Each structure stands twice: as C-alpha cells, then as structure tokens.
Amino acid sequence: MRSAQYSQEAERRFIETLRPHFENKGYHFHLYPGKSDLPEFMKQYTPDAVAVKTDHKVAIEVKSRNNRATDLSLRLIRHLFEGHPEWQLRVFYIGDDERDSVDIPQPTSKLFLEKLAMAGDLLAQGQTQAAFLISWSLLEAAARMTETDLNGRPQPPGTVIQTLAMSGTIEPETERHLRALIDLRNKVVHGDLGAEPTAQDVETILLVSRSIFEKNKSNN
C-alpha cells in the first residue's frame, strides 16, 4: 500500500512539472479531470490531466514505463481520439524511482568535450558498451545545460528525452530514435551482459549530445 501511495504521489508531482509548460502557452491545465470536464468520446477513459485552450486540447497520459502492456493500452486509448482532430493525446513517461537524492552538478564545457572525446576513443577501440554508457551520460549533461526544467537530481532517460522534445531542442524523429534505445540502455546499465549496442547507436547519441551542447554554447 505504501508503494502504491508513493507511486500516486510521484505521478502527481511529475504531472505538476508539466503545468508551467502548458500554461505558458495559454492552456488551462486541469489535473485529474472529472467526467463532467471531458467530452462524450472519453466516456470510458479519464486522462491524468488535460490542457485546454480555444483551438486546441491535449489529453495527458502518464506511464511509469514503456513495455508491451503499456503499448497495448495506449493503442486502445489512441483509437478513441480518431475523428477528433481538436484533441491530441500526449503520453509522458516517469521513472520508477524518484527517491535518489544525488546532486548532479552542471558540467563545464571543458569537461563535456573531454568526455565526448573519450566516448569517441572508446568507440574506435571497439569498447561499444562503455562508449554507449558515456554517450547517455553526455546526453543528460547536455540537456541540463540547456533545459531549466531539469534540476540537479538524476532523471530517467525518458524524462530527459521528453524535456528536450517539449522544448523543441530535438525533432520528433530524433525523439523517437532516442526513445527506442531506452530499453537497451536499461539492460546495459542493470547487468544484461548480452545486451550489445551498435556503433551506430552510440554515434546517434553522441551526435545529438554534441548538437545540443553546441546550440547551447551559441545561445550563451
């Protein structure tokens, strides 16, 4: 029961972090809307939040992880929105554990470039797993340099990617490509010794990380 209560509270806190993004764009943001606040086609479905303005409405669904069960659930939900172009379904993923209180300082440009070079050297030496892990570290570090929504605490990879996409820092195609690598990243991090990223996987993440870093540098 304690775990369920924690999960619900973590979800609520996460959804509240989305509020400024939508309200700054002129939306009215409603957390856990009632049935009376929703249109008829959502009679059998209640989103976790809605963001509404005159010409556009967003239903917000929060999931703890991306897996087959989640994919099936989302396919059924997306089907409800067919024929309702005034509504958009946005899905956000939250990490399972937000209790980590480690403080992550923002890296210096010098350190970032050193680690970028290190990842490239490891990749050239065939140390793909090591380069893959450093590339994810660089992606989050680059995101912290440019995204004020990311605080100094560790963030799930999905949250990092999602924040970059919401701000327009990365394109939707890049978001999809990076999100597709999250499962592989988690396997490598959590001890699946048979999980093998490709050189292309590493190069993709490094390219995005460098691009974000350079964009941030040119804006400052």
Protein backbone atom coordinates (compact mmCIF):
# COMPACT_ATOMS: atom_id res chain seq x y z
CA MET A 1 0.00 0.00 0.00
CA ARG A 2 2.84 2.33 0.85
CA SER A 3 4.38 1.72 -2.57
CA ALA A 4 1.08 2.48 -4.31
CA GLN A 5 0.67 5.69 -2.34
CA TYR A 6 4.23 6.72 -3.17
CA SER A 7 3.64 5.94 -6.86
CA GLN A 8 0.49 8.07 -6.94
CA GLU A 9 2.24 10.96 -5.21
CA ALA A 10 5.23 10.69 -7.57
CA GLU A 11 2.82 10.78 -10.50
CA ARG A 12 1.10 13.88 -9.14
CA ARG A 13 4.42 15.67 -8.64
CA PHE A 14 5.52 14.72 -12.13
CA ILE A 15 2.30 15.98 -13.72
CA GLU A 16 2.67 19.27 -11.85
CA THR A 17 6.05 19.76 -13.55
CA LEU A 18 4.18 19.77 -16.87
CA ARG A 19 1.80 22.54 -15.80
CA PRO A 20 4.13 25.54 -16.50
CA HIS A 21 4.92 24.26 -19.99
CA PHE A 22 1.25 24.30 -20.98
CA GLU A 23 0.14 27.36 -19.02
CA ASN A 24 2.94 29.42 -20.57
CA LYS A 25 1.42 28.56 -23.94
CA GLY A 26 -2.03 29.76 -22.95
CA TYR A 27 -3.63 26.47 -21.93
CA HIS A 28 -5.86 25.94 -18.90
CA PHE A 29 -4.36 22.96 -17.08
CA HIS A 30 -6.58 20.52 -15.13
CA LEU A 31 -5.11 17.72 -13.03
CA TYR A 32 -7.23 14.55 -12.76
CA PRO A 33 -10.31 15.96 -14.54
CA GLY A 34 -13.80 14.73 -13.70
CA LYS A 35 -16.13 13.09 -16.21
CA SER A 36 -18.11 16.32 -16.49
CA ASP A 37 -14.95 18.08 -17.72
CA LEU A 38 -14.47 15.63 -20.60
CA PRO A 39 -16.16 15.20 -23.99
CA GLU A 40 -18.55 12.35 -24.74
CA PHE A 41 -15.99 10.26 -26.64
CA MET A 42 -13.90 9.98 -23.44
CA LYS A 43 -16.78 8.46 -21.52
CA GLN A 44 -14.82 5.25 -20.89
CA TYR A 45 -11.43 6.90 -20.42
CA THR A 46 -10.15 9.54 -18.00
CA PRO A 47 -6.72 11.07 -18.70
CA ASP A 48 -4.37 12.04 -15.88
CA ALA A 49 -4.64 15.70 -16.89
CA VAL A 50 -5.97 17.91 -19.68
CA ALA A 51 -4.65 21.15 -21.11
CA VAL A 52 -7.28 23.20 -22.91
CA LYS A 53 -7.44 26.35 -24.98
CA THR A 54 -9.90 27.53 -27.59
CA ASP A 55 -8.31 26.00 -30.68
CA HIS A 56 -6.52 23.00 -29.19
CA LYS A 57 -6.97 20.47 -26.41
CA VAL A 58 -4.49 17.96 -25.01
CA ALA A 59 -5.22 14.81 -23.01
CA ILE A 60 -2.20 13.87 -20.89
CA GLU A 61 -1.47 10.26 -20.01
CA VAL A 62 1.38 9.38 -17.64
CA LYS A 63 3.00 5.93 -17.63
CA SER A 64 5.72 4.58 -15.37
CA ARG A 65 7.44 2.59 -18.09
CA ASN A 66 7.26 1.67 -21.76
CA ASN A 67 6.52 -2.03 -22.32
CA ARG A 68 4.17 -4.31 -24.27
CA ALA A 69 1.28 -3.90 -21.84
CA THR A 70 1.67 -0.13 -22.00
CA ASP A 71 1.81 -0.22 -25.80
CA LEU A 72 -1.43 -2.22 -25.98
CA SER A 73 -3.17 0.12 -23.54
CA LEU A 74 -2.05 3.18 -25.50
CA ARG A 75 -3.21 1.72 -28.81
CA LEU A 76 -6.69 1.32 -27.37
CA ILE A 77 -6.64 4.85 -25.95
CA ARG A 78 -5.36 6.39 -29.21
CA HIS A 79 -8.21 4.69 -31.05
CA LEU A 80 -10.67 6.83 -29.05
CA PHE A 81 -9.14 10.01 -30.45
CA GLU A 82 -9.64 9.07 -34.09
CA GLY A 83 -12.07 11.50 -35.69
CA HIS A 84 -11.43 14.17 -33.05
CA PRO A 85 -8.68 16.39 -34.54
CA GLU A 86 -9.32 19.11 -31.96
CA TRP A 87 -7.89 16.76 -29.32
CA GLN A 88 -4.34 15.45 -29.04
CA LEU A 89 -3.16 12.61 -26.81
CA ARG A 90 0.26 13.23 -25.24
CA VAL A 91 1.98 10.40 -23.39
CA PHE A 92 4.68 11.08 -20.80
CA TYR A 93 6.87 8.52 -19.07
CA ILE A 94 8.02 8.81 -15.49
CA GLY A 95 10.86 6.85 -13.86
CA ASP A 96 10.01 4.23 -11.28
CA ASP A 97 12.21 5.68 -8.54
CA GLU A 98 12.48 9.37 -7.79
CA ARG A 99 13.92 8.87 -4.31
CA ASP A 100 17.51 9.24 -5.42
CA SER A 101 18.77 12.42 -3.80
CA VAL A 102 22.16 12.52 -5.53
CA ASP A 103 23.01 16.05 -6.56
CA ILE A 104 24.32 16.35 -10.13
CA PRO A 105 26.38 19.50 -10.84
CA GLN A 106 26.24 21.07 -14.28
CA PRO A 107 29.42 20.14 -16.19
CA THR A 108 31.87 22.65 -17.56
CA SER A 109 32.30 22.91 -21.32
CA LYS A 110 35.87 21.63 -20.97
CA LEU A 111 34.79 18.50 -19.09
CA PHE A 112 31.94 17.86 -21.52
CA LEU A 113 34.28 17.97 -24.52
CA GLU A 114 36.81 15.72 -22.76
CA LYS A 115 34.14 13.08 -22.13
CA LEU A 116 32.87 13.44 -25.69
CA ALA A 117 36.38 12.72 -26.97
CA MET A 118 36.70 9.79 -24.55
CA ALA A 119 33.48 8.24 -25.85
CA GLY A 120 34.74 8.59 -29.41
CA ASP A 121 38.06 6.94 -28.49
CA LEU A 122 36.32 4.04 -26.76
CA LEU A 123 34.09 3.51 -29.78
CA ALA A 124 37.11 3.49 -32.09
CA GLN A 125 38.72 0.85 -29.84
CA GLY A 126 35.65 -1.37 -30.07
CA GLN A 127 34.55 -0.68 -26.48
CA THR A 128 30.98 -0.13 -27.60
CA GLN A 129 29.21 -0.77 -24.29
CA ALA A 130 31.43 1.67 -22.41
CA ALA A 131 31.02 4.29 -25.13
CA PHE A 132 27.25 3.71 -25.08
CA LEU A 133 27.02 4.41 -21.35
CA ILE A 134 29.14 7.55 -21.59
CA SER A 135 27.03 8.75 -24.52
CA TRP A 136 23.88 8.58 -22.37
CA SER A 137 25.68 10.46 -19.61
CA LEU A 138 26.65 13.13 -22.15
CA LEU A 139 23.07 13.39 -23.41
CA GLU A 140 21.74 14.09 -19.91
CA ALA A 141 24.61 16.50 -19.21
CA ALA A 142 23.90 18.40 -22.43
CA ALA A 143 20.21 18.52 -21.55
CA ARG A 144 20.99 20.01 -18.12
CA MET A 145 22.98 22.76 -19.80
CA THR A 146 20.04 23.90 -21.88
CA GLU A 147 16.85 22.81 -20.06
CA THR A 148 15.86 24.68 -16.89
CA ASP A 149 13.13 22.07 -16.24
CA LEU A 150 15.82 19.52 -15.36
CA ASN A 151 17.01 20.04 -11.80
CA GLY A 152 20.21 18.74 -10.24
CA ARG A 153 18.79 15.29 -9.49
CA PRO A 154 19.13 12.17 -11.64
CA GLN A 155 16.41 11.93 -14.27
CA PRO A 156 15.04 8.85 -16.06
CA PRO A 157 16.22 8.78 -19.68
CA GLY A 158 12.64 9.10 -20.90
CA THR A 159 12.21 12.33 -18.94
CA VAL A 160 15.41 13.78 -20.41
CA ILE A 161 14.30 12.96 -23.96
CA GLN A 162 10.78 14.17 -23.30
CA THR A 163 12.00 17.52 -21.93
CA LEU A 164 14.24 18.06 -24.94
CA ALA A 165 11.34 17.28 -27.28
CA MET A 166 8.85 19.51 -25.46
CA SER A 167 11.20 22.48 -25.70
CA GLY A 168 11.83 21.87 -29.40
CA THR A 169 15.52 21.17 -28.79
CA ILE A 170 15.22 17.87 -30.65
CA GLU A 171 12.92 16.95 -33.53
CA PRO A 172 10.13 14.33 -33.18
CA GLU A 173 12.09 11.86 -35.32
CA THR A 174 15.12 12.22 -33.06
CA GLU A 175 12.90 11.77 -30.00
CA ARG A 176 11.52 8.51 -31.41
CA HIS A 177 15.00 7.25 -32.27
CA LEU A 178 16.39 8.01 -28.82
CA ARG A 179 13.34 6.61 -27.02
CA ALA A 180 13.75 3.35 -28.94
CA LEU A 181 17.20 2.98 -27.32
CA ILE A 182 15.99 3.35 -23.73
CA ASP A 183 15.32 -0.37 -23.20
CA LEU A 184 18.79 -1.22 -24.48
CA ARG A 185 20.31 1.41 -22.22
CA ASN A 186 18.49 -0.01 -19.19
CA LYS A 187 19.63 -3.55 -20.00
CA VAL A 188 23.27 -2.46 -20.21
CA VAL A 189 23.06 -0.38 -17.01
CA HIS A 190 21.31 -3.08 -14.99
CA GLY A 191 23.54 -6.03 -15.79
CA ASP A 192 22.36 -7.64 -19.03
CA LEU A 193 25.84 -8.59 -20.21
CA GLY A 194 24.48 -9.88 -23.50
CA ALA A 195 22.94 -6.55 -24.49
CA GLU A 196 25.06 -5.16 -27.31
CA PRO A 197 24.59 -1.62 -28.61
CA THR A 198 25.85 -0.95 -32.11
CA ALA A 199 28.38 1.66 -33.12
CA GLN A 200 25.53 3.45 -34.88
CA ASP A 201 23.55 3.60 -31.62
CA VAL A 202 26.49 5.29 -29.91
CA GLU A 203 27.14 7.66 -32.81
CA THR A 204 23.49 8.73 -32.82
CA ILE A 205 23.50 9.68 -29.13
CA LEU A 206 26.88 11.41 -29.39
CA LEU A 207 25.74 13.40 -32.41
CA VAL A 208 22.60 14.60 -30.60
CA SER A 209 24.59 15.40 -27.44
CA ARG A 210 27.16 17.44 -29.37
CA SER A 211 24.42 19.26 -31.28
CA ILE A 212 22.64 20.26 -28.05
CA PHE A 213 25.93 21.35 -26.47
CA GLU A 214 26.89 23.50 -29.47
CA LYS A 215 23.42 25.02 -29.72
CA ASN A 216 23.52 25.96 -26.05
CA LYS A 217 27.02 27.42 -26.40
CA SER A 218 25.99 29.60 -29.35
CA ASN A 219 22.99 30.93 -27.41
CA ASN A 220 25.12 31.98 -24.42
